[in-house]
């Protein structure tokens, strides 16, 4: 302020000149201070050449020498959805719809190396998508979409690195096929479904046959076990009779014969209704012999 007052005194206190000088000083202060928003960066030039890049906050420049040539937003941006045709290795034409997200990290490289950032990135993405899909078959494009997206993102990042741009995301929104390819795939899908149904039916029949065979085998095994038990019982009975004959002589054998005769007569007497049973003349003798032998064996 002292300098300003001295200037006023030197010019004889001319009011108009003083106002002009004050306005000039205010203008210098106004031009020398730059407040940059958080979401932007300013590119400053001096005599047409890059001077500096101003970050968010208060910055100072030299008035009339430095000027803000570009105000660049550093927010993440999304390119408009783009569709491009591509041909797979199995000669299938597909239409791929993509979307790319990016942000500017080095404005000085972006403004001085590329004119239209969006168009340049879109063209780069188109070429990379066609190249990557051309390395894959249609089934791989459908099933390995995440891998394809990662490959496209890496390729785009490498291509736009010189422009001071960071690719944050790359998305494949849709993969469309022409109608002829769709019809062929639908026929293939129906044929595969029919094949699976036939395989399932054949497996069911096979399983049914296996279960029936297992059931029959189990029944045969059980019958064999029953015969074995019956044979063991008969062998045991024969062994008992043989032992009795050995211990008691011919009387035990005669007792067994008489006992069988009695059982046979009892079986003949069984039957429905009234009937006449004819007995041999020695039937009573058989009863008597059996009881006599029984008494003898007990003794």
Foldseek 3Di string as FASTA:
>chain_A
DVVLVVVCVVVPNDPVVSVVVVVVVVVQVVQFKDAAAQQKKFFKDFPRHTDDIHHHGIGTDGPPGIDGPDIFGFDKDKAPWDWDWAAACVGFIKIWIKIWIKGAQDQVQQVPPDPDVNVVLVVQLRVLLRVLRNHHDPVCVVPVVVVSQVSSQVSSCVVCVSNRMHTDGMHTPDMGGDPVVVVVVVVVVVVVVVVVVVVVVVVVVVVVVVVVVVVVVVVVVVVVVVVVVVVVVVVVVVVVLVVLCVVPNCLSVLLVVLVVLVVVQVVVPDDPDDDDDDDDPCNVVSVVSNVVSVVVSVD
